[in-house]
């Protein structure tokens, strides 16, 4: 499955969740619903995936968790904030670098229209 196809399915599923629930819930609610929607589409999705930091060849558990990992190819970082900030981009880009993946989606569910809360980020 190609990255563009996966990201398209993720965005479609996120829009479906947002249409059903609207803004204003906790991030964990959107995460559970999006995971369900993606699984219903036949995608392999994991939630709260531990992401160690590798320092001088040693794996260190620093408490980092990927919100969702789809098909072991795309990281989904979910937010419920007033506005996405540069630190959110930096967080997702760091996860992509640590996991050595190319594509991540940053999705803020706390917006009236979800397409205004979606950012697609590429590593490298």
PDB file of N, CA and C in Angstrom:
ATOM      1  N   UNK A   1       0.852  -1.182   0.000  1.00  0.00           N
ATOM      2  CA  UNK A   1       0.000   0.000   0.000  1.00  0.00           C
ATOM      3  C   UNK A   1       0.898   1.246   0.000  1.00  0.00           C
ATOM      4  N   UNK A   2       0.573   2.205  -0.811  1.00  0.00           N
ATOM      5  CA  UNK A   2       1.383   3.412  -0.928  1.00  0.00           C
ATOM      6  C   UNK A   2       1.030   4.431   0.156  1.00  0.00           C
ATOM      7  N   UNK A   3       1.997   5.281   0.460  1.00  0.00           N
ATOM      8  CA  UNK A   3       1.801   6.297   1.495  1.00  0.00           C
ATOM      9  C   UNK A   3       0.626   7.218   1.196  1.00  0.00           C
ATOM     10  N   UNK A   4       0.481   7.641  -0.054  1.00  0.00           N
ATOM     11  CA  UNK A   4      -0.627   8.541  -0.412  1.00  0.00           C
ATOM     12  C   UNK A   4      -1.977   7.873  -0.197  1.00  0.00           C
ATOM     13  N   UNK A   5      -2.050   6.585  -0.518  1.00  0.00           N
ATOM     14  CA  UNK A   5      -3.292   5.845  -0.326  1.00  0.00           C
ATOM     15  C   UNK A   5      -3.627   5.725   1.167  1.00  0.00           C
ATOM     16  N   UNK A   6      -2.619   5.407   1.961  1.00  0.00           N
ATOM     17  CA  UNK A   6      -2.836   5.297   3.416  1.00  0.00           C
ATOM     18  C   UNK A   6      -3.255   6.641   3.983  1.00  0.00           C
ATOM     19  N   UNK A   7      -2.539   7.711   3.622  1.00  0.00           N
ATOM     20  CA  UNK A   7      -2.879   9.026   4.179  1.00  0.00           C
ATOM     21  C   UNK A   7      -4.286   9.441   3.752  1.00  0.00           C
ATOM     22  N   UNK A   8      -4.677   9.112   2.535  1.00  0.00           N
ATOM     23  CA  UNK A   8      -6.038   9.415   2.089  1.00  0.00           C
ATOM     24  C   UNK A   8      -7.081   8.692   2.913  1.00  0.00           C
ATOM     25  N   UNK A   9      -6.825   7.423   3.217  1.00  0.00           N
ATOM     26  CA  UNK A   9      -7.758   6.658   4.046  1.00  0.00           C
ATOM     27  C   UNK A   9      -7.819   7.211   5.471  1.00  0.00           C
ATOM     28  N   UNK A  10      -6.665   7.585   6.001  1.00  0.00           N
ATOM     29  CA  UNK A  10      -6.625   8.148   7.356  1.00  0.00           C
ATOM     30  C   UNK A  10      -7.414   9.457   7.405  1.00  0.00           C
ATOM     31  N   UNK A  11      -7.191  10.327   6.442  1.00  0.00           N
ATOM     32  CA  UNK A  11      -7.897  11.610   6.427  1.00  0.00           C
ATOM     33  C   UNK A  11      -9.399  11.394   6.289  1.00  0.00           C
ATOM     34  N   UNK A  12      -9.796  10.492   5.412  1.00  0.00           N
ATOM     35  CA  UNK A  12     -11.215  10.184   5.257  1.00  0.00           C
ATOM     36  C   UNK A  12     -11.829   9.654   6.543  1.00  0.00           C
ATOM     37  N   UNK A  13     -11.120   8.770   7.226  1.00  0.00           N
ATOM     38  CA  UNK A  13     -11.606   8.218   8.489  1.00  0.00           C
ATOM     39  C   UNK A  13     -11.676   9.294   9.564  1.00  0.00           C
ATOM     40  N   UNK A  14     -10.671  10.175   9.600  1.00  0.00           N
ATOM     41  CA  UNK A  14     -10.670  11.258  10.591  1.00  0.00           C
ATOM     42  C   UNK A  14     -11.850  12.205  10.358  1.00  0.00           C
ATOM     43  N   UNK A  15     -12.134  12.495   9.101  1.00  0.00           N
ATOM     44  CA  UNK A  15     -13.284  13.352   8.778  1.00  0.00           C
ATOM     45  C   UNK A  15     -14.576  12.692   9.229  1.00  0.00           C
ATOM     46  N   UNK A  16     -14.692  11.385   9.010  1.00  0.00           N
ATOM     47  CA  UNK A  16     -15.891  10.656   9.452  1.00  0.00           C
ATOM     48  C   UNK A  16     -16.054  10.735  10.968  1.00  0.00           C
ATOM     49  N   UNK A  17     -14.960  10.559  11.694  1.00  0.00           N
ATOM     50  CA  UNK A  17     -15.005  10.649  13.164  1.00  0.00           C
ATOM     51  C   UNK A  17     -15.407  12.059  13.586  1.00  0.00           C
ATOM     52  N   UNK A  18     -14.814  13.066  12.963  1.00  0.00           N
ATOM     53  CA  UNK A  18     -15.108  14.454  13.325  1.00  0.00           C
ATOM     54  C   UNK A  18     -16.558  14.815  13.014  1.00  0.00           C
ATOM     55  N   UNK A  19     -17.065  14.331  11.900  1.00  0.00           N
ATOM     56  CA  UNK A  19     -18.477  14.586  11.558  1.00  0.00           C
ATOM     57  C   UNK A  19     -19.410  13.997  12.602  1.00  0.00           C
ATOM     58  N   UNK A  20     -19.056  12.818  13.094  1.00  0.00           N
ATOM     59  CA  UNK A  20     -19.895  12.127  14.076  1.00  0.00           C
ATOM     60  C   UNK A  20     -19.806  12.765  15.462  1.00  0.00           C
ATOM     61  N   UNK A  21     -18.594  13.116  15.885  1.00  0.00           N
ATOM     62  CA  UNK A  21     -18.373  13.579  17.259  1.00  0.00           C
ATOM     63  C   UNK A  21     -18.260  15.090  17.401  1.00  0.00           C
ATOM     64  N   UNK A  22     -17.773  15.763  16.352  1.00  0.00           N
ATOM     65  CA  UNK A  22     -17.524  17.201  16.445  1.00  0.00           C
ATOM     66  C   UNK A  22     -16.333  17.496  17.330  1.00  0.00           C
ATOM     67  N   UNK A  23     -16.017  18.780  17.499  1.00  0.00           N
ATOM     68  CA  UNK A  23     -14.897  19.157  18.378  1.00  0.00           C
ATOM     69  C   UNK A  23     -15.312  19.101  19.847  1.00  0.00           C
ATOM     70  N   UNK A  24     -14.320  19.159  20.736  1.00  0.00           N
ATOM     71  CA  UNK A  24     -14.615  19.319  22.156  1.00  0.00           C
ATOM     72  C   UNK A  24     -14.381  18.122  23.046  1.00  0.00           C
ATOM     73  N   UNK A  25     -14.034  16.967  22.478  1.00  0.00           N
ATOM     74  CA  UNK A  25     -13.775  15.792  23.317  1.00  0.00           C
ATOM     75  C   UNK A  25     -12.284  15.672  23.619  1.00  0.00           C
ATOM     76  N   UNK A  26     -11.951  14.743  24.473  1.00  0.00           N
ATOM     77  CA  UNK A  26     -10.550  14.468  24.787  1.00  0.00           C
ATOM     78  C   UNK A  26      -9.882  13.750  23.619  1.00  0.00           C
ATOM     79  N   UNK A  27      -8.585  13.946  23.517  1.00  0.00           N
ATOM     80  CA  UNK A  27      -7.800  13.301  22.471  1.00  0.00           C
ATOM     81  C   UNK A  27      -7.995  11.784  22.473  1.00  0.00           C
ATOM     82  N   UNK A  28      -8.077  11.184  23.644  1.00  0.00           N
ATOM     83  CA  UNK A  28      -8.210   9.730  23.754  1.00  0.00           C
ATOM     84  C   UNK A  28      -9.489   9.212  23.086  1.00  0.00           C
ATOM     85  N   UNK A  29     -10.559   9.989  23.123  1.00  0.00           N
ATOM     86  CA  UNK A  29     -11.807   9.573  22.474  1.00  0.00           C
ATOM     87  C   UNK A  29     -11.626   9.546  20.961  1.00  0.00           C
ATOM     88  N   UNK A  30     -11.007  10.577  20.410  1.00  0.00           N
ATOM     89  CA  UNK A  30     -10.768  10.612  18.965  1.00  0.00           C
ATOM     90  C   UNK A  30      -9.815   9.488  18.550  1.00  0.00           C
ATOM     91  N   UNK A  31      -8.825   9.231  19.386  1.00  0.00           N
ATOM     92  CA  UNK A  31      -7.865   8.169  19.086  1.00  0.00           C
ATOM     93  C   UNK A  31      -8.560   6.818  18.983  1.00  0.00           C
ATOM     94  N   UNK A  32      -9.404   6.501  19.959  1.00  0.00           N
ATOM     95  CA  UNK A  32     -10.110   5.216  19.955  1.00  0.00           C
ATOM     96  C   UNK A  32     -11.040   5.098  18.749  1.00  0.00           C
ATOM     97  N   UNK A  33     -11.752   6.172  18.440  1.00  0.00           N
ATOM     98  CA  UNK A  33     -12.687   6.149  17.309  1.00  0.00           C
ATOM     99  C   UNK A  33     -11.953   6.060  15.974  1.00  0.00           C
ATOM    100  N   UNK A  34     -10.848   6.783  15.836  1.00  0.00           N
ATOM    101  CA  UNK A  34     -10.090   6.739  14.595  1.00  0.00           C
ATOM    102  C   UNK A  34      -9.456   5.363  14.415  1.00  0.00           C
ATOM    103  N   UNK A  35      -8.953   4.795  15.483  1.00  0.00           N
ATOM    104  CA  UNK A  35      -8.386   3.440  15.410  1.00  0.00           C
ATOM    105  C   UNK A  35      -9.458   2.457  14.929  1.00  0.00           C
ATOM    106  N   UNK A  36     -10.663   2.570  15.466  1.00  0.00           N
ATOM    107  CA  UNK A  36     -11.771   1.706  15.060  1.00  0.00           C
ATOM    108  C   UNK A  36     -12.084   1.893  13.573  1.00  0.00           C
ATOM    109  N   UNK A  37     -12.211   3.147  13.135  1.00  0.00           N
ATOM    110  CA  UNK A  37     -12.529   3.436  11.727  1.00  0.00           C
ATOM    111  C   UNK A  37     -11.474   2.852  10.791  1.00  0.00           C
ATOM    112  N   UNK A  38     -10.214   3.008  11.136  1.00  0.00           N
ATOM    113  CA  UNK A  38      -9.137   2.507  10.285  1.00  0.00           C
ATOM    114  C   UNK A  38      -9.124   0.986  10.243  1.00  0.00           C
ATOM    115  N   UNK A  39      -9.377   0.360  11.378  1.00  0.00           N
ATOM    116  CA  UNK A  39      -9.445  -1.105  11.423  1.00  0.00           C
ATOM    117  C   UNK A  39     -10.619  -1.606  10.575  1.00  0.00           C
ATOM    118  N   UNK A  40     -11.734  -0.878  10.592  1.00  0.00           N
ATOM    119  CA  UNK A  40     -12.905  -1.246   9.782  1.00  0.00           C
ATOM    120  C   UNK A  40     -12.574  -1.193   8.288  1.00  0.00           C
ATOM    121  N   UNK A  41     -11.611  -0.370   7.916  1.00  0.00           N
ATOM    122  CA  UNK A  41     -11.187  -0.265   6.518  1.00  0.00           C
ATOM    123  C   UNK A  41     -10.138  -1.321   6.158  1.00  0.00           C
ATOM    124  N   UNK A  42      -9.804  -2.157   7.124  1.00  0.00           N
ATOM    125  CA  UNK A  42      -8.842  -3.222   6.874  1.00  0.00           C
ATOM    126  C   UNK A  42      -7.395  -2.822   7.053  1.00  0.00           C
ATOM    127  N   UNK A  43      -7.171  -1.647   7.637  1.00  0.00           N
ATOM    128  CA  UNK A  43      -5.797  -1.199   7.882  1.00  0.00           C
ATOM    129  C   UNK A  43      -5.295  -1.738   9.221  1.00  0.00           C
ATOM    130  N   UNK A  44      -4.022  -2.059   9.259  1.00  0.00           N
ATOM    131  CA  UNK A  44      -3.388  -2.479  10.511  1.00  0.00           C
ATOM    132  C   UNK A  44      -2.999  -1.218  11.266  1.00  0.00           C
ATOM    133  N   UNK A  45      -3.527  -1.067  12.466  1.00  0.00           N
ATOM    134  CA  UNK A  45      -3.278   0.157  13.236  1.00  0.00           C
ATOM    135  C   UNK A  45      -2.994  -0.198  14.693  1.00  0.00           C
ATOM    136  N   UNK A  46      -1.967   0.439  15.227  1.00  0.00           N
ATOM    137  CA  UNK A  46      -1.594   0.265  16.632  1.00  0.00           C
ATOM    138  C   UNK A  46      -1.710   1.619  17.317  1.00  0.00           C
ATOM    139  N   UNK A  47      -2.069   1.600  18.584  1.00  0.00           N
ATOM    140  CA  UNK A  47      -2.161   2.855  19.332  1.00  0.00           C
ATOM    141  C   UNK A  47      -1.177   2.850  20.499  1.00  0.00           C
ATOM    142  N   UNK A  48      -0.748   4.055  20.869  1.00  0.00           N
ATOM    143  CA  UNK A  48       0.178   4.263  21.983  1.00  0.00           C
ATOM    144  C   UNK A  48       1.406   3.367  21.873  1.00  0.00           C
ATOM    145  N   UNK A  49       2.031   3.422  20.704  1.00  0.00           N
ATOM    146  CA  UNK A  49       3.206   2.602  20.411  1.00  0.00           C
ATOM    147  C   UNK A  49       4.431   3.219  21.092  1.00  0.00           C
ATOM    148  N   UNK A  50       5.105   2.459  21.961  1.00  0.00           N
ATOM    149  CA  UNK A  50       6.308   2.998  22.611  1.00  0.00           C
ATOM    150  C   UNK A  50       7.383   3.331  21.574  1.00  0.00           C
ATOM    151  N   UNK A  51       8.033   4.464  21.768  1.00  0.00           N
ATOM    152  CA  UNK A  51       9.111   4.878  20.863  1.00  0.00           C
ATOM    153  C   UNK A  51      10.342   5.230  21.690  1.00  0.00           C
ATOM    154  N   UNK A  52      11.310   4.317  21.749  1.00  0.00           N
ATOM    155  CA  UNK A  52      12.524   4.621  22.509  1.00  0.00           C
ATOM    156  C   UNK A  52      13.402   5.628  21.785  1.00  0.00           C
ATOM    157  N   UNK A  53      14.270   6.239  22.536  1.00  0.00           N
ATOM    158  CA  UNK A  53      15.318   7.081  21.974  1.00  0.00           C
ATOM    159  C   UNK A  53      16.571   6.220  21.934  1.00  0.00           C
ATOM    160  N   UNK A  54      17.248   6.243  20.798  1.00  0.00           N
ATOM    161  CA  UNK A  54      18.487   5.476  20.685  1.00  0.00           C
ATOM    162  C   UNK A  54      19.644   6.453  20.846  1.00  0.00           C
ATOM    163  N   UNK A  55      20.401   6.236  21.907  1.00  0.00           N
ATOM    164  CA  UNK A  55      21.524   7.114  22.236  1.00  0.00           C
ATOM    165  C   UNK A  55      22.775   6.260  22.366  1.00  0.00           C
ATOM    166  N   UNK A  56      23.732   6.529  21.480  1.00  0.00           N
ATOM    167  CA  UNK A  56      24.994   5.780  21.469  1.00  0.00           C
ATOM    168  C   UNK A  56      24.735   4.276  21.428  1.00  0.00           C
ATOM    169  N   UNK A  57      23.753   3.882  20.620  1.00  0.00           N
ATOM    170  CA  UNK A  57      23.446   2.468  20.429  1.00  0.00           C
ATOM    171  C   UNK A  57      22.598   1.841  21.513  1.00  0.00           C
ATOM    172  N   UNK A  58      22.203   2.630  22.493  1.00  0.00           N
ATOM    173  CA  UNK A  58      21.395   2.101  23.598  1.00  0.00           C
ATOM    174  C   UNK A  58      19.962   2.585  23.443  1.00  0.00           C
ATOM    175  N   UNK A  59      19.018   1.664  23.571  1.00  0.00           N
ATOM    176  CA  UNK A  59      17.596   2.016  23.521  1.00  0.00           C
ATOM    177  C   UNK A  59      17.161   2.504  24.896  1.00  0.00           C
ATOM    178  N   UNK A  60      16.721   3.752  24.961  1.00  0.00           N
ATOM    179  CA  UNK A  60      16.285   4.344  26.228  1.00  0.00           C
ATOM    180  C   UNK A  60      14.788   4.623  26.161  1.00  0.00           C
ATOM    181  N   UNK A  61      14.051   4.085  27.114  1.00  0.00           N
ATOM    182  CA  UNK A  61      12.616   4.359  27.168  1.00  0.00           C
ATOM    183  C   UNK A  61      12.431   5.691  27.878  1.00  0.00           C
ATOM    184  N   UNK A  62      12.079   6.704  27.110  1.00  0.00           N
ATOM    185  CA  UNK A  62      11.900   8.053  27.658  1.00  0.00           C
ATOM    186  C   UNK A  62      10.423   8.422  27.779  1.00  0.00           C
ATOM    187  N   UNK A  63       9.550   7.449  27.583  1.00  0.00           N
ATOM    188  CA  UNK A  63       8.124   7.704  27.742  1.00  0.00           C
ATOM    189  C   UNK A  63       7.431   8.205  26.489  1.00  0.00           C
ATOM    190  N   UNK A  64       8.118   8.222  25.351  1.00  0.00           N
ATOM    191  CA  UNK A  64       7.473   8.665  24.113  1.00  0.00           C
ATOM    192  C   UNK A  64       6.518   7.595  23.625  1.00  0.00           C
ATOM    193  N   UNK A  65       5.354   8.033  23.143  1.00  0.00           N
ATOM    194  CA  UNK A  65       4.335   7.128  22.603  1.00  0.00           C
ATOM    195  C   UNK A  65       3.769   7.736  21.330  1.00  0.00           C
ATOM    196  N   UNK A  66       3.711   6.935  20.281  1.00  0.00           N
ATOM    197  CA  UNK A  66       3.075   7.359  19.039  1.00  0.00           C
ATOM    198  C   UNK A  66       1.573   7.159  19.223  1.00  0.00           C
ATOM    199  N   UNK A  67       0.775   8.176  18.944  1.00  0.00           N
ATOM    200  CA  UNK A  67      -0.673   8.022  19.109  1.00  0.00           C
ATOM    201  C   UNK A  67      -1.185   6.860  18.278  1.00  0.00           C
ATOM    202  N   UNK A  68      -0.930   6.902  16.974  1.00  0.00           N
ATOM    203  CA  UNK A  68      -1.331   5.809  16.087  1.00  0.00           C
ATOM    204  C   UNK A  68      -0.224   5.540  15.073  1.00  0.00           C
ATOM    205  N   UNK A  69      -0.023   4.274  14.776  1.00  0.00           N
ATOM    206  CA  UNK A  69       0.904   3.851  13.732  1.00  0.00           C
ATOM    207  C   UNK A  69       0.108   2.982  12.770  1.00  0.00           C
ATOM    208  N   UNK A  70       0.025   3.414  11.509  1.00  0.00           N
ATOM    209  CA  UNK A  70      -0.799   2.732  10.513  1.00  0.00           C
ATOM    210  C   UNK A  70       0.093   1.982   9.530  1.00  0.00           C
ATOM    211  N   UNK A  71      -0.163   0.682   9.427  1.00  0.00           N
ATOM    212  CA  UNK A  71       0.572  -0.174   8.481  1.00  0.00           C
ATOM    213  C   UNK A  71       2.089  -0.106   8.673  1.00  0.00           C
ATOM    214  N   UNK A  72       2.531   0.236   9.861  1.00  0.00           N
ATOM    215  CA  UNK A  72       3.963   0.392  10.153  1.00  0.00           C
ATOM    216  C   UNK A  72       4.643   1.395   9.226  1.00  0.00           C
ATOM    217  N   UNK A  73       3.849   2.313   8.644  1.00  0.00           N
ATOM    218  CA  UNK A  73       4.379   3.261   7.667  1.00  0.00           C
ATOM    219  C   UNK A  73       4.064   4.720   7.967  1.00  0.00           C
ATOM    220  N   UNK A  74       2.937   4.982   8.600  1.00  0.00           N
ATOM    221  CA  UNK A  74       2.476   6.359   8.799  1.00  0.00           C
ATOM    222  C   UNK A  74       2.178   6.584  10.281  1.00  0.00           C
ATOM    223  N   UNK A  75       2.768   7.647  10.822  1.00  0.00           N
ATOM    224  CA  UNK A  75       2.511   8.036  12.210  1.00  0.00           C
ATOM    225  C   UNK A  75       1.404   9.084  12.218  1.00  0.00           C
ATOM    226  N   UNK A  76       0.426   8.887  13.097  1.00  0.00           N
ATOM    227  CA  UNK A  76      -0.658   9.843  13.262  1.00  0.00           C
ATOM    228  C   UNK A  76      -0.540  10.430  14.667  1.00  0.00           C
ATOM    229  N   UNK A  77      -0.365  11.725  14.736  1.00  0.00           N
ATOM    230  CA  UNK A  77      -0.292  12.433  16.015  1.00  0.00           C
ATOM    231  C   UNK A  77      -1.571  13.256  16.145  1.00  0.00           C
ATOM    232  N   UNK A  78      -2.334  12.977  17.189  1.00  0.00           N
ATOM    233  CA  UNK A  78      -3.630  13.625  17.395  1.00  0.00           C
ATOM    234  C   UNK A  78      -3.529  14.724  18.442  1.00  0.00           C
ATOM    235  N   UNK A  79      -4.281  15.787  18.211  1.00  0.00           N
ATOM    236  CA  UNK A  79      -4.331  16.913  19.138  1.00  0.00           C
ATOM    237  C   UNK A  79      -5.774  17.374  19.293  1.00  0.00           C
ATOM    238  N   UNK A  80      -6.042  18.012  20.414  1.00  0.00           N
ATOM    239  CA  UNK A  80      -7.308  18.716  20.643  1.00  0.00           C
ATOM    240  C   UNK A  80      -6.935  20.053  21.285  1.00  0.00           C
ATOM    241  N   UNK A  81      -6.375  20.921  20.456  1.00  0.00           N
ATOM    242  CA  UNK A  81      -5.866  22.207  20.929  1.00  0.00           C
ATOM    243  C   UNK A  81      -6.557  23.341  20.174  1.00  0.00           C
ATOM    244  N   UNK A  82      -6.442  24.540  20.720  1.00  0.00           N
ATOM    245  CA  UNK A  82      -7.042  25.701  20.062  1.00  0.00           C
ATOM    246  C   UNK A  82      -6.440  25.918  18.677  1.00  0.00           C
ATOM    247  N   UNK A  83      -5.114  25.716  18.584  1.00  0.00           N
ATOM    248  CA  UNK A  83      -4.420  25.937  17.317  1.00  0.00           C
ATOM    249  C   UNK A  83      -3.134  25.120  17.328  1.00  0.00           C
ATOM    250  N   UNK A  84      -2.817  24.496  16.205  1.00  0.00           N
ATOM    251  CA  UNK A  84      -1.552  23.775  16.103  1.00  0.00           C
ATOM    252  C   UNK A  84      -0.402  24.774  16.188  1.00  0.00           C
ATOM    253  N   UNK A  85       0.643  24.377  16.875  1.00  0.00           N
ATOM    254  CA  UNK A  85       1.818  25.214  17.083  1.00  0.00           C
ATOM    255  C   UNK A  85       3.047  24.548  16.455  1.00  0.00           C
ATOM    256  N   UNK A  86       4.104  25.301  16.219  1.00  0.00           N
ATOM    257  CA  UNK A  86       5.336  24.715  15.667  1.00  0.00           C
ATOM    258  C   UNK A  86       5.885  23.551  16.505  1.00  0.00           C
ATOM    259  N   UNK A  87       5.668  23.570  17.816  1.00  0.00           N
ATOM    260  CA  UNK A  87       6.147  22.473  18.658  1.00  0.00           C
ATOM    261  C   UNK A  87       5.467  21.151  18.305  1.00  0.00           C
ATOM    262  N   UNK A  88       4.223  21.215  17.828  1.00  0.00           N
ATOM    263  CA  UNK A  88       3.518  19.999  17.418  1.00  0.00           C
ATOM    264  C   UNK A  88       4.158  19.412  16.162  1.00  0.00           C
ATOM    265  N   UNK A  89       4.533  20.277  15.227  1.00  0.00           N
ATOM    266  CA  UNK A  89       5.265  19.829  14.034  1.00  0.00           C
ATOM    267  C   UNK A  89       6.585  19.183  14.451  1.00  0.00           C
ATOM    268  N   UNK A  90       7.304  19.839  15.343  1.00  0.00           N
ATOM    269  CA  UNK A  90       8.603  19.340  15.800  1.00  0.00           C
ATOM    270  C   UNK A  90       8.461  17.971  16.460  1.00  0.00           C
ATOM    271  N   UNK A  91       7.405  17.800  17.244  1.00  0.00           N
ATOM    272  CA  UNK A  91       7.158  16.518  17.915  1.00  0.00           C
ATOM    273  C   UNK A  91       6.974  15.411  16.881  1.00  0.00           C
ATOM    274  N   UNK A  92       6.114  15.636  15.896  1.00  0.00           N
ATOM    275  CA  UNK A  92       5.859  14.618  14.888  1.00  0.00           C
ATOM    276  C   UNK A  92       7.104  14.354  14.045  1.00  0.00           C
ATOM    277  N   UNK A  93       7.822  15.393  13.661  1.00  0.00           N
ATOM    278  CA  UNK A  93       9.052  15.191  12.878  1.00  0.00           C
ATOM    279  C   UNK A  93      10.087  14.390  13.667  1.00  0.00           C
ATOM    280  N   UNK A  94      10.160  14.621  14.973  1.00  0.00           N
ATOM    281  CA  UNK A  94      11.074  13.846  15.815  1.00  0.00           C
ATOM    282  C   UNK A  94      10.668  12.384  15.840  1.00  0.00           C
ATOM    283  N   UNK A  95       9.379  12.115  15.986  1.00  0.00           N
ATOM    284  CA  UNK A  95       8.898  10.729  15.964  1.00  0.00           C
ATOM    285  C   UNK A  95       9.226  10.061  14.636  1.00  0.00           C
ATOM    286  N   UNK A  96       9.043  10.785  13.534  1.00  0.00           N
ATOM    287  CA  UNK A  96       9.360  10.222  12.215  1.00  0.00           C
ATOM    288  C   UNK A  96      10.838   9.880  12.111  1.00  0.00           C
ATOM    289  N   UNK A  97      11.694  10.761  12.623  1.00  0.00           N
ATOM    290  CA  UNK A  97      13.136  10.510  12.577  1.00  0.00           C
ATOM    291  C   UNK A  97      13.514   9.323  13.453  1.00  0.00           C
ATOM    292  N   UNK A  98      12.967   9.266  14.670  1.00  0.00           N
ATOM    293  CA  UNK A  98      13.279   8.165  15.577  1.00  0.00           C
ATOM    294  C   UNK A  98      12.823   6.824  15.013  1.00  0.00           C
ATOM    295  N   UNK A  99      11.670   6.817  14.352  1.00  0.00           N
ATOM    296  CA  UNK A  99      11.087   5.583  13.799  1.00  0.00           C
ATOM    297  C   UNK A  99      11.617   5.302  12.390  1.00  0.00           C
ATOM    298  N   UNK A 100      12.334   6.279  11.812  1.00  0.00           N
ATOM    299  CA  UNK A 100      12.867   6.171  10.453  1.00  0.00           C
ATOM    300  C   UNK A 100      11.746   5.947   9.433  1.00  0.00           C
ATOM    301  N   UNK A 101      10.700   6.772   9.569  1.00  0.00           N
ATOM    302  CA  UNK A 101       9.573   6.742   8.637  1.00  0.00           C
ATOM    303  C   UNK A 101       9.502   8.056   7.883  1.00  0.00           C
ATOM    304  N   UNK A 102       8.804   8.056   6.767  1.00  0.00           N
ATOM    305  CA  UNK A 102       8.757   9.223   5.882  1.00  0.00           C
ATOM    306  C   UNK A 102       7.563  10.127   6.139  1.00  0.00           C
ATOM    307  N   UNK A 103       6.374   9.561   6.439  1.00  0.00           N
ATOM    308  CA  UNK A 103       5.142  10.341   6.464  1.00  0.00           C
ATOM    309  C   UNK A 103       4.458  10.329   7.819  1.00  0.00           C
ATOM    310  N   UNK A 104       4.003  11.509   8.226  1.00  0.00           N
ATOM    311  CA  UNK A 104       3.202  11.646   9.438  1.00  0.00           C
ATOM    312  C   UNK A 104       2.058  12.605   9.199  1.00  0.00           C
ATOM    313  N   UNK A 105       0.962  12.379   9.897  1.00  0.00           N
ATOM    314  CA  UNK A 105      -0.194  13.275   9.843  1.00  0.00           C
ATOM    315  C   UNK A 105      -0.442  13.830  11.233  1.00  0.00           C
ATOM    316  N   UNK A 106      -0.553  15.135  11.310  1.00  0.00           N
ATOM    317  CA  UNK A 106      -0.875  15.841  12.540  1.00  0.00           C
ATOM    318  C   UNK A 106      -2.330  16.270  12.402  1.00  0.00           C
ATOM    319  N   UNK A 107      -3.185  15.778  13.295  1.00  0.00           N
ATOM    320  CA  UNK A 107      -4.618  16.046  13.180  1.00  0.00           C
ATOM    321  C   UNK A 107      -5.131  16.673  14.465  1.00  0.00           C
ATOM    322  N   UNK A 108      -5.644  17.893  14.336  1.00  0.00           N
ATOM    323  CA  UNK A 108      -6.247  18.612  15.458  1.00  0.00           C
ATOM    324  C   UNK A 108      -7.769  18.532  15.322  1.00  0.00           C
ATOM    325  N   UNK A 109      -8.411  17.811  16.242  1.00  0.00           N
ATOM    326  CA  UNK A 109      -9.858  17.627  16.181  1.00  0.00           C
ATOM    327  C   UNK A 109     -10.633  18.804  16.766  1.00  0.00           C
ATOM    328  N   UNK A 110      -9.946  19.745  17.378  1.00  0.00           N
ATOM    329  CA  UNK A 110     -10.638  20.867  18.024  1.00  0.00           C
ATOM    330  C   UNK A 110     -10.819  22.044  17.058  1.00  0.00           C
ATOM    331  N   UNK A 111     -11.401  21.762  15.902  1.00  0.00           N
ATOM    332  CA  UNK A 111     -11.671  22.775  14.881  1.00  0.00           C
ATOM    333  C   UNK A 111     -13.080  22.547  14.339  1.00  0.00           C
ATOM    334  N   UNK A 112     -13.737  23.613  13.853  1.00  0.00           N
ATOM    335  CA  UNK A 112     -15.084  23.433  13.300  1.00  0.00           C
ATOM    336  C   UNK A 112     -15.103  22.573  12.031  1.00  0.00           C
ATOM    337  N   UNK A 113     -14.090  22.737  11.171  1.00  0.00           N
ATOM    338  CA  UNK A 113     -13.986  21.970   9.928  1.00  0.00           C
ATOM    339  C   UNK A 113     -12.642  21.260   9.948  1.00  0.00           C
ATOM    340  N   UNK A 114     -12.664  19.931   9.926  1.00  0.00           N
ATOM    341  CA  UNK A 114     -11.439  19.167  10.171  1.00  0.00           C
ATOM    342  C   UNK A 114     -10.338  19.438   9.151  1.00  0.00           C
ATOM    343  N   UNK A 115     -10.678  19.728   7.905  1.00  0.00           N
ATOM    344  CA  UNK A 115      -9.608  19.952   6.914  1.00  0.00           C
ATOM    345  C   UNK A 115      -8.701  21.107   7.324  1.00  0.00           C
ATOM    346  N   UNK A 116      -9.176  22.001   8.188  1.00  0.00           N
ATOM    347  CA  UNK A 116      -8.340  23.096   8.692  1.00  0.00           C
ATOM    348  C   UNK A 116      -7.425  22.652   9.830  1.00  0.00           C
ATOM    349  N   UNK A 117      -7.611  21.424  10.305  1.00  0.00           N
ATOM    350  CA  UNK A 117      -6.812  20.918  11.418  1.00  0.00           C
ATOM    351  C   UNK A 117      -5.866  19.795  11.029  1.00  0.00           C
ATOM    352  N   UNK A 118      -5.633  19.601   9.730  1.00  0.00           N
ATOM    353  CA  UNK A 118      -4.792  18.490   9.278  1.00  0.00           C
ATOM    354  C   UNK A 118      -3.514  19.026   8.632  1.00  0.00           C
ATOM    355  N   UNK A 119      -2.383  18.474   9.071  1.00  0.00           N
ATOM    356  CA  UNK A 119      -1.083  18.793   8.463  1.00  0.00           C
ATOM    357  C   UNK A 119      -0.396  17.486   8.097  1.00  0.00           C
ATOM    358  N   UNK A 120       0.164  17.471   6.908  1.00  0.00           N
ATOM    359  CA  UNK A 120       0.907  16.314   6.412  1.00  0.00           C
ATOM    360  C   UNK A 120       2.382  16.686   6.466  1.00  0.00           C
ATOM    361  N   UNK A 121       3.179  15.917   7.198  1.00  0.00           N
ATOM    362  CA  UNK A 121       4.602  16.222   7.344  1.00  0.00           C
ATOM    363  C   UNK A 121       5.452  15.093   6.804  1.00  0.00           C
ATOM    364  N   UNK A 122       6.533  15.470   6.137  1.00  0.00           N
ATOM    365  CA  UNK A 122       7.461  14.505   5.563  1.00  0.00           C
ATOM    366  C   UNK A 122       8.806  14.593   6.261  1.00  0.00           C
ATOM    367  N   UNK A 123       9.404  13.462   6.509  1.00  0.00           N
ATOM    368  CA  UNK A 123      10.733  13.382   7.087  1.00  0.00           C
ATOM    369  C   UNK A 123      11.741  13.317   5.949  1.00  0.00           C
ATOM    370  N   UNK A 124      12.602  14.308   5.892  1.00  0.00           N
ATOM    371  CA  UNK A 124      13.661  14.296   4.877  1.00  0.00           C
ATOM    372  C   UNK A 124      13.256  14.899   3.610  1.00  0.00           C
TER     373      UNK A 124
END
